[in-house]
Amino acid sequence: MFPSLYFRSQPPLFIQMVDEYVKATNDFSFVRDNMEYLMTEFNYWLQHHMVTVVVGRGGSHERSPHKLRLARFNCEDAGPRPESYFEDYEVTNTNSTLRKNKRPKLR
């Protein structure tokens, strides 16, 4: 199959990117002018890509277990990544090990 195509994950970085831009440029008007888009992006992650993880085991020297909410993007598709379709297609069609294995049809 395509081990590199399964269980991939990408962190949500848009807001951090904007933060770095503002730190580098002091262009706070960019944030004000684009707040609608920043909120749309943030709400998308809140609604579609939040996971809960339990941290800590509650041993005698640890804090008791607690839950954290994280934003995570993962794609369950078996085929090439939409953002890197050509690259994934080329890798799987030029790699002899992958060609020998049964693999899903590429779209």
N, C-alpha and C. Protein backbone atom coordinates (compact mmCIF):
# COMPACT_ATOMS: atom_id res chain seq x y z
N MET A 1 0.84 -1.18 0.00
CA MET A 1 0.00 0.00 0.00
C MET A 1 0.88 1.25 0.00
N PHE A 2 0.36 2.36 0.41
CA PHE A 2 1.09 3.62 0.43
C PHE A 2 1.34 4.06 1.86
N PRO A 3 2.37 3.56 2.51
CA PRO A 3 2.54 3.93 3.91
C PRO A 3 2.69 5.42 4.14
N SER A 4 3.32 6.12 3.21
CA SER A 4 3.50 7.55 3.41
C SER A 4 2.21 8.33 3.21
N LEU A 5 1.21 7.70 2.61
CA LEU A 5 -0.05 8.39 2.36
C LEU A 5 -1.06 8.14 3.46
N TYR A 6 -0.81 7.17 4.32
CA TYR A 6 -1.74 6.85 5.40
C TYR A 6 -1.37 7.60 6.66
N PHE A 7 -2.35 7.94 7.43
CA PHE A 7 -2.16 8.52 8.76
C PHE A 7 -1.33 9.80 8.74
N ARG A 8 -1.39 10.52 7.66
CA ARG A 8 -0.64 11.76 7.63
C ARG A 8 -1.39 12.82 8.43
N SER A 9 -0.66 13.74 8.94
CA SER A 9 -1.25 14.78 9.76
C SER A 9 -0.53 16.09 9.49
N GLN A 10 -1.28 17.16 9.53
CA GLN A 10 -0.70 18.48 9.34
C GLN A 10 -1.26 19.39 10.42
N PRO A 11 -0.41 20.14 11.07
CA PRO A 11 -0.93 21.05 12.09
C PRO A 11 -1.55 22.28 11.44
N PRO A 12 -2.52 22.89 12.10
CA PRO A 12 -3.08 24.15 11.60
C PRO A 12 -2.11 25.29 11.88
N LEU A 13 -1.56 25.88 10.85
CA LEU A 13 -0.51 26.89 11.04
C LEU A 13 -0.87 28.29 10.56
N PHE A 14 -2.05 28.47 10.01
CA PHE A 14 -2.39 29.75 9.41
C PHE A 14 -2.31 30.90 10.41
N ILE A 15 -2.91 30.74 11.58
CA ILE A 15 -2.91 31.81 12.56
C ILE A 15 -1.49 32.09 13.06
N GLN A 16 -0.69 31.05 13.25
CA GLN A 16 0.70 31.25 13.65
C GLN A 16 1.49 31.98 12.56
N MET A 17 1.19 31.69 11.31
CA MET A 17 1.86 32.37 10.20
C MET A 17 1.52 33.86 10.21
N VAL A 18 0.25 34.16 10.44
CA VAL A 18 -0.15 35.56 10.51
C VAL A 18 0.53 36.25 11.68
N ASP A 19 0.62 35.56 12.81
CA ASP A 19 1.31 36.12 13.98
C ASP A 19 2.77 36.43 13.65
N GLU A 20 3.45 35.54 12.98
CA GLU A 20 4.85 35.78 12.60
C GLU A 20 4.97 36.95 11.62
N TYR A 21 4.01 37.05 10.71
CA TYR A 21 4.00 38.17 9.76
C TYR A 21 3.88 39.50 10.51
N VAL A 22 2.94 39.55 11.46
CA VAL A 22 2.72 40.79 12.20
C VAL A 22 3.95 41.13 13.04
N LYS A 23 4.56 40.13 13.67
CA LYS A 23 5.77 40.38 14.45
C LYS A 23 6.89 40.95 13.58
N ALA A 24 6.99 40.47 12.35
CA ALA A 24 8.06 40.90 11.45
C ALA A 24 7.79 42.26 10.82
N THR A 25 6.51 42.60 10.65
CA THR A 25 6.18 43.82 9.89
C THR A 25 5.50 44.91 10.71
N ASN A 26 4.99 44.54 11.87
CA ASN A 26 4.17 45.48 12.68
C ASN A 26 2.93 45.94 11.93
N ASP A 27 2.47 45.15 10.99
CA ASP A 27 1.32 45.49 10.16
C ASP A 27 0.04 44.97 10.82
N PHE A 28 -0.39 45.65 11.88
CA PHE A 28 -1.61 45.23 12.59
C PHE A 28 -2.87 45.47 11.76
N SER A 29 -2.79 46.37 10.81
CA SER A 29 -3.96 46.60 9.95
C SER A 29 -4.26 45.35 9.12
N PHE A 30 -3.23 44.56 8.82
CA PHE A 30 -3.46 43.32 8.08
C PHE A 30 -4.42 42.41 8.86
N VAL A 31 -4.22 42.32 10.16
CA VAL A 31 -5.10 41.48 10.99
C VAL A 31 -6.50 42.07 11.02
N ARG A 32 -6.59 43.38 11.25
CA ARG A 32 -7.92 44.03 11.29
C ARG A 32 -8.65 43.84 9.96
N ASP A 33 -7.93 44.01 8.85
CA ASP A 33 -8.55 43.91 7.53
C ASP A 33 -8.95 42.49 7.17
N ASN A 34 -8.32 41.53 7.81
CA ASN A 34 -8.57 40.13 7.46
C ASN A 34 -9.17 39.31 8.59
N MET A 35 -9.69 39.98 9.62
CA MET A 35 -10.23 39.27 10.77
C MET A 35 -11.33 38.27 10.38
N GLU A 36 -12.16 38.63 9.43
CA GLU A 36 -13.23 37.72 8.98
C GLU A 36 -12.64 36.39 8.50
N TYR A 37 -11.56 36.45 7.75
CA TYR A 37 -10.94 35.24 7.21
C TYR A 37 -10.22 34.44 8.31
N LEU A 38 -9.59 35.18 9.23
CA LEU A 38 -8.94 34.50 10.35
C LEU A 38 -9.95 33.76 11.21
N MET A 39 -11.09 34.38 11.46
CA MET A 39 -12.12 33.74 12.26
C MET A 39 -12.74 32.56 11.52
N THR A 40 -12.93 32.70 10.21
CA THR A 40 -13.47 31.58 9.43
C THR A 40 -12.54 30.38 9.51
N GLU A 41 -11.25 30.62 9.37
CA GLU A 41 -10.26 29.55 9.45
C GLU A 41 -10.26 28.92 10.85
N PHE A 42 -10.25 29.76 11.87
CA PHE A 42 -10.23 29.28 13.25
C PHE A 42 -11.48 28.44 13.55
N ASN A 43 -12.64 28.93 13.15
CA ASN A 43 -13.89 28.19 13.38
C ASN A 43 -13.93 26.87 12.62
N TYR A 44 -13.35 26.85 11.43
CA TYR A 44 -13.28 25.58 10.67
C TYR A 44 -12.53 24.53 11.50
N TRP A 45 -11.39 24.91 12.05
CA TRP A 45 -10.62 23.96 12.85
C TRP A 45 -11.39 23.53 14.09
N LEU A 46 -12.05 24.47 14.74
CA LEU A 46 -12.82 24.14 15.94
C LEU A 46 -13.95 23.16 15.62
N GLN A 47 -14.59 23.34 14.50
CA GLN A 47 -15.75 22.51 14.15
C GLN A 47 -15.39 21.17 13.54
N HIS A 48 -14.25 21.07 12.85
CA HIS A 48 -13.98 19.86 12.06
C HIS A 48 -12.73 19.08 12.44
N HIS A 49 -11.85 19.65 13.21
CA HIS A 49 -10.57 18.97 13.42
C HIS A 49 -10.06 19.00 14.86
N MET A 50 -10.96 19.04 15.81
CA MET A 50 -10.54 19.03 17.21
C MET A 50 -10.51 17.60 17.72
N VAL A 51 -9.47 17.25 18.44
CA VAL A 51 -9.36 15.94 19.09
C VAL A 51 -9.07 16.18 20.57
N THR A 52 -9.48 15.23 21.39
CA THR A 52 -9.21 15.31 22.82
C THR A 52 -8.18 14.25 23.17
N VAL A 53 -7.15 14.65 23.89
CA VAL A 53 -6.13 13.71 24.33
C VAL A 53 -6.06 13.77 25.85
N VAL A 54 -5.79 12.62 26.46
CA VAL A 54 -5.64 12.54 27.91
C VAL A 54 -4.15 12.55 28.22
N VAL A 55 -3.75 13.44 29.11
CA VAL A 55 -2.35 13.60 29.46
C VAL A 55 -2.16 13.27 30.94
N GLY A 56 -1.10 12.57 31.25
CA GLY A 56 -0.80 12.22 32.64
C GLY A 56 -1.43 10.89 33.02
N ARG A 57 -0.81 10.21 33.95
CA ARG A 57 -1.30 8.90 34.39
C ARG A 57 -1.83 8.93 35.82
N GLY A 58 -1.55 10.01 36.50
CA GLY A 58 -2.06 10.12 37.85
C GLY A 58 -1.25 9.35 38.88
N GLY A 59 0.02 9.03 38.57
CA GLY A 59 0.88 8.35 39.53
C GLY A 59 1.21 9.26 40.70
N SER A 60 1.93 8.76 41.66
CA SER A 60 2.21 9.52 42.88
C SER A 60 3.03 10.78 42.62
N HIS A 61 3.82 10.81 41.54
CA HIS A 61 4.66 11.97 41.26
C HIS A 61 4.18 12.76 40.05
N GLU A 62 3.03 12.42 39.53
CA GLU A 62 2.49 13.12 38.36
C GLU A 62 1.18 13.80 38.70
N ARG A 63 0.85 14.77 37.88
CA ARG A 63 -0.48 15.36 38.02
C ARG A 63 -1.50 14.32 37.61
N SER A 64 -2.69 14.47 38.09
CA SER A 64 -3.74 13.52 37.71
C SER A 64 -4.06 13.71 36.23
N PRO A 65 -4.60 12.67 35.60
CA PRO A 65 -4.90 12.78 34.17
C PRO A 65 -5.83 13.97 33.88
N HIS A 66 -5.55 14.64 32.80
CA HIS A 66 -6.43 15.72 32.37
C HIS A 66 -6.52 15.70 30.85
N LYS A 67 -7.56 16.33 30.36
CA LYS A 67 -7.81 16.32 28.92
C LYS A 67 -7.39 17.64 28.29
N LEU A 68 -6.82 17.53 27.11
CA LEU A 68 -6.47 18.70 26.30
C LEU A 68 -7.17 18.58 24.96
N ARG A 69 -7.57 19.71 24.41
CA ARG A 69 -8.17 19.72 23.07
C ARG A 69 -7.14 20.27 22.10
N LEU A 70 -6.90 19.54 21.02
CA LEU A 70 -5.92 19.94 20.01
C LEU A 70 -6.59 20.00 18.65
N ALA A 71 -6.13 20.92 17.82
CA ALA A 71 -6.58 20.98 16.44
C ALA A 71 -5.62 20.15 15.61
N ARG A 72 -6.17 19.23 14.83
CA ARG A 72 -5.33 18.34 14.02
C ARG A 72 -6.02 18.08 12.70
N PHE A 73 -5.27 18.13 11.64
CA PHE A 73 -5.79 17.73 10.33
C PHE A 73 -5.19 16.39 9.97
N ASN A 74 -6.04 15.46 9.66
CA ASN A 74 -5.54 14.21 9.10
C ASN A 74 -6.48 13.80 7.98
N CYS A 75 -5.92 13.22 6.99
CA CYS A 75 -6.67 12.82 5.81
C CYS A 75 -6.73 11.30 5.77
N GLU A 76 -7.93 10.76 5.68
CA GLU A 76 -8.11 9.31 5.68
C GLU A 76 -8.11 8.73 4.26
N ASP A 77 -7.95 9.57 3.25
CA ASP A 77 -7.96 9.08 1.87
C ASP A 77 -6.79 8.13 1.63
N ALA A 78 -7.03 7.11 0.81
CA ALA A 78 -5.98 6.16 0.48
C ALA A 78 -5.14 6.60 -0.72
N GLY A 79 -5.61 7.59 -1.44
CA GLY A 79 -4.91 8.02 -2.63
C GLY A 79 -3.97 9.18 -2.37
N PRO A 80 -3.49 9.79 -3.43
CA PRO A 80 -2.56 10.91 -3.30
C PRO A 80 -3.19 12.08 -2.54
N ARG A 81 -2.36 12.84 -1.88
CA ARG A 81 -2.83 14.02 -1.16
C ARG A 81 -3.29 15.05 -2.18
N PRO A 82 -4.43 15.68 -1.96
CA PRO A 82 -4.90 16.69 -2.93
C PRO A 82 -3.88 17.80 -3.13
N GLU A 83 -3.18 18.19 -2.07
CA GLU A 83 -2.23 19.30 -2.19
C GLU A 83 -0.92 18.90 -2.86
N SER A 84 -0.69 17.59 -3.01
CA SER A 84 0.56 17.10 -3.63
C SER A 84 0.27 15.92 -4.55
N TYR A 85 -0.81 16.04 -5.28
CA TYR A 85 -1.25 14.92 -6.12
C TYR A 85 -0.15 14.46 -7.07
N PHE A 86 0.43 15.37 -7.82
CA PHE A 86 1.42 15.00 -8.83
C PHE A 86 2.63 14.32 -8.20
N GLU A 87 3.14 14.89 -7.09
CA GLU A 87 4.31 14.32 -6.43
C GLU A 87 4.02 12.91 -5.92
N ASP A 88 2.86 12.72 -5.28
CA ASP A 88 2.50 11.39 -4.76
C ASP A 88 2.31 10.39 -5.89
N TYR A 89 1.69 10.84 -6.96
CA TYR A 89 1.47 9.95 -8.11
C TYR A 89 2.81 9.52 -8.69
N GLU A 90 3.72 10.46 -8.85
CA GLU A 90 5.04 10.15 -9.40
C GLU A 90 5.81 9.18 -8.50
N VAL A 91 5.79 9.39 -7.20
CA VAL A 91 6.52 8.53 -6.26
C VAL A 91 5.98 7.11 -6.33
N THR A 92 4.67 6.95 -6.32
CA THR A 92 4.11 5.61 -6.31
C THR A 92 4.24 4.90 -7.64
N ASN A 93 4.35 5.64 -8.72
CA ASN A 93 4.48 5.00 -10.03
C ASN A 93 5.92 4.82 -10.47
N THR A 94 6.88 5.37 -9.74
CA THR A 94 8.28 5.17 -10.09
C THR A 94 9.00 4.30 -9.07
N ASN A 95 8.35 3.96 -7.97
CA ASN A 95 8.96 3.15 -6.92
C ASN A 95 8.59 1.68 -7.17
N SER A 96 9.59 0.83 -7.48
CA SER A 96 9.31 -0.57 -7.83
C SER A 96 8.68 -1.34 -6.67
N THR A 97 9.04 -1.04 -5.44
CA THR A 97 8.45 -1.73 -4.29
C THR A 97 6.96 -1.43 -4.22
N LEU A 98 6.60 -0.17 -4.40
CA LEU A 98 5.19 0.19 -4.36
C LEU A 98 4.43 -0.39 -5.55
N ARG A 99 5.08 -0.47 -6.72
CA ARG A 99 4.41 -1.03 -7.89
C ARG A 99 4.07 -2.49 -7.69
N LYS A 100 4.92 -3.24 -6.96
CA LYS A 100 4.68 -4.67 -6.75
C LYS A 100 3.52 -4.92 -5.81
N ASN A 101 3.32 -4.03 -4.87
CA ASN A 101 2.25 -4.20 -3.89
C ASN A 101 0.91 -3.81 -4.48
N LYS A 102 -0.12 -4.46 -3.97
CA LYS A 102 -1.47 -4.08 -4.37
C LYS A 102 -1.73 -2.69 -3.82
N ARG A 103 -2.27 -1.81 -4.62
CA ARG A 103 -2.54 -0.46 -4.16
C ARG A 103 -3.89 0.00 -4.71
N PRO A 104 -4.48 0.96 -4.04
CA PRO A 104 -5.77 1.48 -4.52
C PRO A 104 -5.59 2.23 -5.82
N LYS A 105 -6.68 2.32 -6.56
CA LYS A 105 -6.66 3.10 -7.79
C LYS A 105 -6.43 4.56 -7.48
N LEU A 106 -5.59 5.20 -8.25
CA LEU A 106 -5.37 6.63 -8.08
C LEU A 106 -6.43 7.38 -8.87
N ARG A 107 -6.93 8.41 -8.27
CA ARG A 107 -7.98 9.20 -8.94
C ARG A 107 -7.38 10.10 -9.98
